[in-house]
Amino acid sequence: MPLLYLSKGELNYLKYLTVKFMAKVKVTQIRSIIKRPKNQKATITALGLGKINRTVEVENTPQMQGLIKKISHLVKVQDV
């Protein structure tokens, strides 16, 4: 059913489900960003990392999966 035809209550419920039950992953930086291309450095910064052994917890969305795949050789990923 398109979102256009949902009532306000149904939209709020759908929003609640997406926010509450989104899977999360822990991303830990395990390698340095010295001598890495600018786009990899920017990706590390966008994820909230920047120092070795720093860990952040992010939602497992397709956008985040793309960022993590781009720097997979610099980070370790664990399911929460």
PDB file of N, CA and C in Angstrom:
ATOM      1  N   MET A   1       0.841  -1.181   0.000  1.00  0.00           N
ATOM      2  CA  MET A   1       0.000   0.000   0.000  1.00  0.00           C
ATOM      3  C   MET A   1       0.891   1.252   0.000  1.00  0.00           C
ATOM      4  N   PRO A   2       0.655   2.177  -0.922  1.00  0.00           N
ATOM      5  CA  PRO A   2       1.465   3.395  -0.958  1.00  0.00           C
ATOM      6  C   PRO A   2       1.277   4.238   0.300  1.00  0.00           C
ATOM      7  N   LEU A   3       2.309   4.938   0.674  1.00  0.00           N
ATOM      8  CA  LEU A   3       2.238   5.777   1.869  1.00  0.00           C
ATOM      9  C   LEU A   3       1.227   6.893   1.720  1.00  0.00           C
ATOM     10  N   LEU A   4       0.895   7.241   0.491  1.00  0.00           N
ATOM     11  CA  LEU A   4      -0.044   8.316   0.231  1.00  0.00           C
ATOM     12  C   LEU A   4      -1.422   7.995   0.798  1.00  0.00           C
ATOM     13  N   TYR A   5      -1.804   6.718   0.834  1.00  0.00           N
ATOM     14  CA  TYR A   5      -3.141   6.323   1.245  1.00  0.00           C
ATOM     15  C   TYR A   5      -3.237   5.914   2.708  1.00  0.00           C
ATOM     16  N   LEU A   6      -2.159   6.020   3.466  1.00  0.00           N
ATOM     17  CA  LEU A   6      -2.200   5.645   4.875  1.00  0.00           C
ATOM     18  C   LEU A   6      -2.722   6.808   5.714  1.00  0.00           C
ATOM     19  N   SER A   7      -3.433   6.466   6.789  1.00  0.00           N
ATOM     20  CA  SER A   7      -3.917   7.511   7.693  1.00  0.00           C
ATOM     21  C   SER A   7      -2.759   8.017   8.548  1.00  0.00           C
ATOM     22  N   LYS A   8      -3.000   9.103   9.279  1.00  0.00           N
ATOM     23  CA  LYS A   8      -1.954   9.696  10.110  1.00  0.00           C
ATOM     24  C   LYS A   8      -1.516   8.718  11.208  1.00  0.00           C
ATOM     25  N   GLY A   9      -2.467   7.998  11.796  1.00  0.00           N
ATOM     26  CA  GLY A   9      -2.144   7.017  12.827  1.00  0.00           C
ATOM     27  C   GLY A   9      -1.300   5.875  12.288  1.00  0.00           C
ATOM     28  N   GLU A  10      -1.633   5.410  11.089  1.00  0.00           N
ATOM     29  CA  GLU A  10      -0.871   4.328  10.473  1.00  0.00           C
ATOM     30  C   GLU A  10       0.545   4.779  10.132  1.00  0.00           C
ATOM     31  N   LEU A  11       0.698   6.032   9.694  1.00  0.00           N
ATOM     32  CA  LEU A  11       2.023   6.557   9.393  1.00  0.00           C
ATOM     33  C   LEU A  11       2.873   6.646  10.654  1.00  0.00           C
ATOM     34  N   ASN A  12       2.258   7.097  11.771  1.00  0.00           N
ATOM     35  CA  ASN A  12       2.995   7.177  13.029  1.00  0.00           C
ATOM     36  C   ASN A  12       3.423   5.787  13.491  1.00  0.00           C
ATOM     37  N   TYR A  13       2.541   4.786  13.336  1.00  0.00           N
ATOM     38  CA  TYR A  13       2.875   3.422  13.725  1.00  0.00           C
ATOM     39  C   TYR A  13       4.018   2.882  12.874  1.00  0.00           C
ATOM     40  N   LEU A  14       3.972   3.155  11.567  1.00  0.00           N
ATOM     41  CA  LEU A  14       5.025   2.712  10.660  1.00  0.00           C
ATOM     42  C   LEU A  14       6.355   3.367  11.032  1.00  0.00           C
ATOM     43  N   LYS A  15       6.299   4.660  11.371  1.00  0.00           N
ATOM     44  CA  LYS A  15       7.492   5.375  11.791  1.00  0.00           C
ATOM     45  C   LYS A  15       8.057   4.775  13.081  1.00  0.00           C
ATOM     46  N   TYR A  16       7.171   4.430  14.010  1.00  0.00           N
ATOM     47  CA  TYR A  16       7.584   3.823  15.276  1.00  0.00           C
ATOM     48  C   TYR A  16       8.282   2.490  15.022  1.00  0.00           C
ATOM     49  N   LEU A  17       7.727   1.676  14.151  1.00  0.00           N
ATOM     50  CA  LEU A  17       8.321   0.369  13.858  1.00  0.00           C
ATOM     51  C   LEU A  17       9.697   0.516  13.227  1.00  0.00           C
ATOM     52  N   THR A  18       9.843   1.465  12.293  1.00  0.00           N
ATOM     53  CA  THR A  18      11.134   1.601  11.627  1.00  0.00           C
ATOM     54  C   THR A  18      12.192   2.106  12.588  1.00  0.00           C
ATOM     55  N   VAL A  19      11.838   3.026  13.459  1.00  0.00           N
ATOM     56  CA  VAL A  19      12.815   3.594  14.377  1.00  0.00           C
ATOM     57  C   VAL A  19      13.154   2.603  15.482  1.00  0.00           C
ATOM     58  N   LYS A  20      12.174   1.922  16.012  1.00  0.00           N
ATOM     59  CA  LYS A  20      12.386   1.050  17.162  1.00  0.00           C
ATOM     60  C   LYS A  20      13.147  -0.221  16.825  1.00  0.00           C
ATOM     61  N   PHE A  21      12.895  -0.791  15.682  1.00  0.00           N
ATOM     62  CA  PHE A  21      13.419  -2.117  15.400  1.00  0.00           C
ATOM     63  C   PHE A  21      14.484  -2.137  14.308  1.00  0.00           C
ATOM     64  N   MET A  22      15.151  -1.013  14.108  1.00  0.00           N
ATOM     65  CA  MET A  22      16.230  -0.952  13.119  1.00  0.00           C
ATOM     66  C   MET A  22      17.447  -1.682  13.685  1.00  0.00           C
ATOM     67  N   ALA A  23      18.022  -2.557  12.907  1.00  0.00           N
ATOM     68  CA  ALA A  23      19.197  -3.299  13.354  1.00  0.00           C
ATOM     69  C   ALA A  23      20.383  -2.354  13.477  1.00  0.00           C
ATOM     70  N   LYS A  24      21.275  -2.644  14.409  1.00  0.00           N
ATOM     71  CA  LYS A  24      22.459  -1.822  14.622  1.00  0.00           C
ATOM     72  C   LYS A  24      23.709  -2.682  14.504  1.00  0.00           C
ATOM     73  N   VAL A  25      24.808  -2.038  14.158  1.00  0.00           N
ATOM     74  CA  VAL A  25      26.099  -2.700  14.098  1.00  0.00           C
ATOM     75  C   VAL A  25      27.128  -1.836  14.820  1.00  0.00           C
ATOM     76  N   LYS A  26      28.126  -2.506  15.382  1.00  0.00           N
ATOM     77  CA  LYS A  26      29.241  -1.807  16.010  1.00  0.00           C
ATOM     78  C   LYS A  26      30.377  -1.761  15.008  1.00  0.00           C
ATOM     79  N   VAL A  27      30.918  -0.577  14.785  1.00  0.00           N
ATOM     80  CA  VAL A  27      32.031  -0.395  13.852  1.00  0.00           C
ATOM     81  C   VAL A  27      33.223   0.092  14.665  1.00  0.00           C
ATOM     82  N   THR A  28      34.336  -0.638  14.584  1.00  0.00           N
ATOM     83  CA  THR A  28      35.548  -0.296  15.311  1.00  0.00           C
ATOM     84  C   THR A  28      36.669  -0.064  14.311  1.00  0.00           C
ATOM     85  N   GLN A  29      37.354   1.062  14.454  1.00  0.00           N
ATOM     86  CA  GLN A  29      38.494   1.344  13.574  1.00  0.00           C
ATOM     87  C   GLN A  29      39.694   0.553  14.063  1.00  0.00           C
ATOM     88  N   ILE A  30      40.297  -0.224  13.174  1.00  0.00           N
ATOM     89  CA  ILE A  30      41.435  -1.066  13.574  1.00  0.00           C
ATOM     90  C   ILE A  30      42.730  -0.685  12.865  1.00  0.00           C
ATOM     91  N   ARG A  31      42.648   0.188  11.848  1.00  0.00           N
ATOM     92  CA  ARG A  31      43.854   0.603  11.132  1.00  0.00           C
ATOM     93  C   ARG A  31      43.868   2.113  10.984  1.00  0.00           C
ATOM     94  N   SER A  32      45.058   2.654  10.808  1.00  0.00           N
ATOM     95  CA  SER A  32      45.251   4.091  10.705  1.00  0.00           C
ATOM     96  C   SER A  32      44.783   4.622   9.352  1.00  0.00           C
ATOM     97  N   ILE A  33      44.471   5.927   9.319  1.00  0.00           N
ATOM     98  CA  ILE A  33      44.078   6.556   8.061  1.00  0.00           C
ATOM     99  C   ILE A  33      45.221   7.374   7.458  1.00  0.00           C
ATOM    100  N   ILE A  34      46.422   7.227   8.021  1.00  0.00           N
ATOM    101  CA  ILE A  34      47.587   7.898   7.451  1.00  0.00           C
ATOM    102  C   ILE A  34      47.872   7.298   6.066  1.00  0.00           C
ATOM    103  N   LYS A  35      48.165   8.129   5.117  1.00  0.00           N
ATOM    104  CA  LYS A  35      48.435   7.754   3.727  1.00  0.00           C
ATOM    105  C   LYS A  35      47.251   7.062   3.052  1.00  0.00           C
ATOM    106  N   ARG A  36      46.049   7.476   3.392  1.00  0.00           N
ATOM    107  CA  ARG A  36      44.830   6.977   2.745  1.00  0.00           C
ATOM    108  C   ARG A  36      44.252   8.090   1.880  1.00  0.00           C
ATOM    109  N   PRO A  37      43.490   7.747   0.858  1.00  0.00           N
ATOM    110  CA  PRO A  37      42.857   8.772   0.020  1.00  0.00           C
ATOM    111  C   PRO A  37      41.876   9.637   0.828  1.00  0.00           C
ATOM    112  N   LYS A  38      41.618  10.835   0.322  1.00  0.00           N
ATOM    113  CA  LYS A  38      40.743  11.782   1.019  1.00  0.00           C
ATOM    114  C   LYS A  38      39.343  11.222   1.240  1.00  0.00           C
ATOM    115  N   ASN A  39      38.840  10.468   0.269  1.00  0.00           N
ATOM    116  CA  ASN A  39      37.475   9.954   0.417  1.00  0.00           C
ATOM    117  C   ASN A  39      37.381   8.922   1.550  1.00  0.00           C
ATOM    118  N   GLN A  40      38.432   8.144   1.773  1.00  0.00           N
ATOM    119  CA  GLN A  40      38.419   7.190   2.886  1.00  0.00           C
ATOM    120  C   GLN A  40      38.528   7.918   4.222  1.00  0.00           C
ATOM    121  N   LYS A  41      39.336   8.967   4.279  1.00  0.00           N
ATOM    122  CA  LYS A  41      39.442   9.765   5.501  1.00  0.00           C
ATOM    123  C   LYS A  41      38.108  10.421   5.819  1.00  0.00           C
ATOM    124  N   ALA A  42      37.443  10.935   4.796  1.00  0.00           N
ATOM    125  CA  ALA A  42      36.144  11.579   4.995  1.00  0.00           C
ATOM    126  C   ALA A  42      35.092  10.578   5.454  1.00  0.00           C
ATOM    127  N   THR A  43      35.155   9.363   4.953  1.00  0.00           N
ATOM    128  CA  THR A  43      34.203   8.326   5.358  1.00  0.00           C
ATOM    129  C   THR A  43      34.406   7.949   6.813  1.00  0.00           C
ATOM    130  N   ILE A  44      35.647   7.812   7.241  1.00  0.00           N
ATOM    131  CA  ILE A  44      35.952   7.516   8.644  1.00  0.00           C
ATOM    132  C   ILE A  44      35.391   8.622   9.538  1.00  0.00           C
ATOM    133  N   THR A  45      35.601   9.875   9.137  1.00  0.00           N
ATOM    134  CA  THR A  45      35.096  11.006   9.915  1.00  0.00           C
ATOM    135  C   THR A  45      33.573  11.019   9.938  1.00  0.00           C
ATOM    136  N   ALA A  46      32.942  10.721   8.817  1.00  0.00           N
ATOM    137  CA  ALA A  46      31.479  10.711   8.738  1.00  0.00           C
ATOM    138  C   ALA A  46      30.875   9.650   9.648  1.00  0.00           C
ATOM    139  N   LEU A  47      31.574   8.551   9.843  1.00  0.00           N
ATOM    140  CA  LEU A  47      31.081   7.501  10.734  1.00  0.00           C
ATOM    141  C   LEU A  47      31.318   7.842  12.202  1.00  0.00           C
ATOM    142  N   GLY A  48      32.099   8.877  12.485  1.00  0.00           N
ATOM    143  CA  GLY A  48      32.369   9.255  13.870  1.00  0.00           C
ATOM    144  C   GLY A  48      33.596   8.580  14.441  1.00  0.00           C
ATOM    145  N   LEU A  49      34.411   8.026  13.571  1.00  0.00           N
ATOM    146  CA  LEU A  49      35.644   7.398  14.014  1.00  0.00           C
ATOM    147  C   LEU A  49      36.783   8.396  13.848  1.00  0.00           C
ATOM    148  N   GLY A  50      38.020   7.979  13.931  1.00  0.00           N
ATOM    149  CA  GLY A  50      39.136   8.872  13.725  1.00  0.00           C
ATOM    150  C   GLY A  50      40.379   8.432  14.463  1.00  0.00           C
ATOM    151  N   LYS A  51      40.201   7.604  15.466  1.00  0.00           N
ATOM    152  CA  LYS A  51      41.345   7.061  16.193  1.00  0.00           C
ATOM    153  C   LYS A  51      41.215   5.543  16.220  1.00  0.00           C
ATOM    154  N   ILE A  52      42.338   4.878  16.276  1.00  0.00           N
ATOM    155  CA  ILE A  52      42.333   3.424  16.324  1.00  0.00           C
ATOM    156  C   ILE A  52      41.671   2.969  17.622  1.00  0.00           C
ATOM    157  N   ASN A  53      40.893   1.908  17.546  1.00  0.00           N
ATOM    158  CA  ASN A  53      40.130   1.303  18.644  1.00  0.00           C
ATOM    159  C   ASN A  53      38.929   2.122  19.087  1.00  0.00           C
ATOM    160  N   ARG A  54      38.558   3.150  18.357  1.00  0.00           N
ATOM    161  CA  ARG A  54      37.330   3.879  18.663  1.00  0.00           C
ATOM    162  C   ARG A  54      36.172   3.097  18.057  1.00  0.00           C
ATOM    163  N   THR A  55      35.085   2.971  18.816  1.00  0.00           N
ATOM    164  CA  THR A  55      33.930   2.196  18.383  1.00  0.00           C
ATOM    165  C   THR A  55      32.689   3.077  18.365  1.00  0.00           C
ATOM    166  N   VAL A  56      31.878   2.930  17.323  1.00  0.00           N
ATOM    167  CA  VAL A  56      30.591   3.609  17.244  1.00  0.00           C
ATOM    168  C   VAL A  56      29.526   2.574  16.902  1.00  0.00           C
ATOM    169  N   GLU A  57      28.298   2.878  17.292  1.00  0.00           N
ATOM    170  CA  GLU A  57      27.165   2.012  17.000  1.00  0.00           C
ATOM    171  C   GLU A  57      26.280   2.750  16.007  1.00  0.00           C
ATOM    172  N   VAL A  58      26.071   2.181  14.828  1.00  0.00           N
ATOM    173  CA  VAL A  58      25.277   2.829  13.785  1.00  0.00           C
ATOM    174  C   VAL A  58      24.167   1.895  13.333  1.00  0.00           C
ATOM    175  N   GLU A  59      23.106   2.480  12.767  1.00  0.00           N
ATOM    176  CA  GLU A  59      22.016   1.677  12.227  1.00  0.00           C
ATOM    177  C   GLU A  59      22.475   0.998  10.948  1.00  0.00           C
ATOM    178  N   ASN A  60      21.989  -0.190  10.725  1.00  0.00           N
ATOM    179  CA  ASN A  60      22.411  -0.984   9.578  1.00  0.00           C
ATOM    180  C   ASN A  60      21.502  -0.694   8.380  1.00  0.00           C
ATOM    181  N   THR A  61      21.645   0.501   7.819  1.00  0.00           N
ATOM    182  CA  THR A  61      20.888   0.893   6.637  1.00  0.00           C
ATOM    183  C   THR A  61      21.741   0.659   5.391  1.00  0.00           C
ATOM    184  N   PRO A  62      21.130   0.661   4.229  1.00  0.00           N
ATOM    185  CA  PRO A  62      21.921   0.492   3.002  1.00  0.00           C
ATOM    186  C   PRO A  62      22.997   1.575   2.833  1.00  0.00           C
ATOM    187  N   GLN A  63      22.699   2.799   3.295  1.00  0.00           N
ATOM    188  CA  GLN A  63      23.681   3.869   3.186  1.00  0.00           C
ATOM    189  C   GLN A  63      24.891   3.575   4.064  1.00  0.00           C
ATOM    190  N   MET A  64      24.658   3.135   5.280  1.00  0.00           N
ATOM    191  CA  MET A  64      25.754   2.813   6.191  1.00  0.00           C
ATOM    192  C   MET A  64      26.535   1.604   5.698  1.00  0.00           C
ATOM    193  N   GLN A  65      25.843   0.631   5.123  1.00  0.00           N
ATOM    194  CA  GLN A  65      26.533  -0.537   4.584  1.00  0.00           C
ATOM    195  C   GLN A  65      27.480  -0.126   3.463  1.00  0.00           C
ATOM    196  N   GLY A  66      27.071   0.857   2.653  1.00  0.00           N
ATOM    197  CA  GLY A  66      27.936   1.355   1.592  1.00  0.00           C
ATOM    198  C   GLY A  66      29.177   2.043   2.141  1.00  0.00           C
ATOM    199  N   LEU A  67      28.992   2.856   3.203  1.00  0.00           N
ATOM    200  CA  LEU A  67      30.133   3.524   3.828  1.00  0.00           C
ATOM    201  C   LEU A  67      31.100   2.504   4.413  1.00  0.00           C
ATOM    202  N   ILE A  68      30.538   1.510   5.093  1.00  0.00           N
ATOM    203  CA  ILE A  68      31.377   0.500   5.741  1.00  0.00           C
ATOM    204  C   ILE A  68      32.119  -0.329   4.691  1.00  0.00           C
ATOM    205  N   LYS A  69      31.462  -0.646   3.586  1.00  0.00           N
ATOM    206  CA  LYS A  69      32.108  -1.429   2.532  1.00  0.00           C
ATOM    207  C   LYS A  69      33.280  -0.662   1.918  1.00  0.00           C
ATOM    208  N   LYS A  70      33.131   0.649   1.838  1.00  0.00           N
ATOM    209  CA  LYS A  70      34.162   1.499   1.252  1.00  0.00           C
ATOM    210  C   LYS A  70      35.453   1.465   2.064  1.00  0.00           C
ATOM    211  N   ILE A  71      35.328   1.300   3.391  1.00  0.00           N
ATOM    212  CA  ILE A  71      36.505   1.309   4.266  1.00  0.00           C
ATOM    213  C   ILE A  71      36.622   0.002   5.041  1.00  0.00           C
ATOM    214  N   SER A  72      36.168  -1.090   4.450  1.00  0.00           N
ATOM    215  CA  SER A  72      36.139  -2.372   5.156  1.00  0.00           C
ATOM    216  C   SER A  72      37.524  -2.851   5.584  1.00  0.00           C
ATOM    217  N   HIS A  73      38.562  -2.398   4.895  1.00  0.00           N
ATOM    218  CA  HIS A  73      39.920  -2.811   5.238  1.00  0.00           C
ATOM    219  C   HIS A  73      40.467  -2.039   6.440  1.00  0.00           C
ATOM    220  N   LEU A  74      39.751  -1.010   6.874  1.00  0.00           N
ATOM    221  CA  LEU A  74      40.196  -0.197   8.019  1.00  0.00           C
ATOM    222  C   LEU A  74      39.390  -0.434   9.288  1.00  0.00           C
ATOM    223  N   VAL A  75      38.266  -1.136   9.180  1.00  0.00           N
ATOM    224  CA  VAL A  75      37.362  -1.285  10.318  1.00  0.00           C
ATOM    225  C   VAL A  75      36.994  -2.748  10.558  1.00  0.00           C
ATOM    226  N   LYS A  76      36.454  -2.998  11.760  1.00  0.00           N
ATOM    227  CA  LYS A  76      35.911  -4.302  12.109  1.00  0.00           C
ATOM    228  C   LYS A  76      34.430  -4.073  12.437  1.00  0.00           C
ATOM    229  N   VAL A  77      33.548  -4.917  11.946  1.00  0.00           N
ATOM    230  CA  VAL A  77      32.106  -4.741  12.107  1.00  0.00           C
ATOM    231  C   VAL A  77      31.540  -5.924  12.889  1.00  0.00           C
ATOM    232  N   GLN A  78      30.704  -5.609  13.888  1.00  0.00           N
ATOM    233  CA  GLN A  78      30.043  -6.646  14.689  1.00  0.00           C
ATOM    234  C   GLN A  78      28.566  -6.324  14.797  1.00  0.00           C
ATOM    235  N   ASP A  79      27.721  -7.352  14.785  1.00  0.00           N
ATOM    236  CA  ASP A  79      26.300  -7.150  15.029  1.00  0.00           C
ATOM    237  C   ASP A  79      26.070  -6.890  16.510  1.00  0.00           C
ATOM    238  N   VAL A  80      25.050  -6.080  16.791  1.00  0.00           N
ATOM    239  CA  VAL A  80      24.728  -5.785  18.193  1.00  0.00           C
ATOM    240  C   VAL A  80      23.588  -6.666  18.631  1.00  0.00           C
TER     241      VAL A  80
END
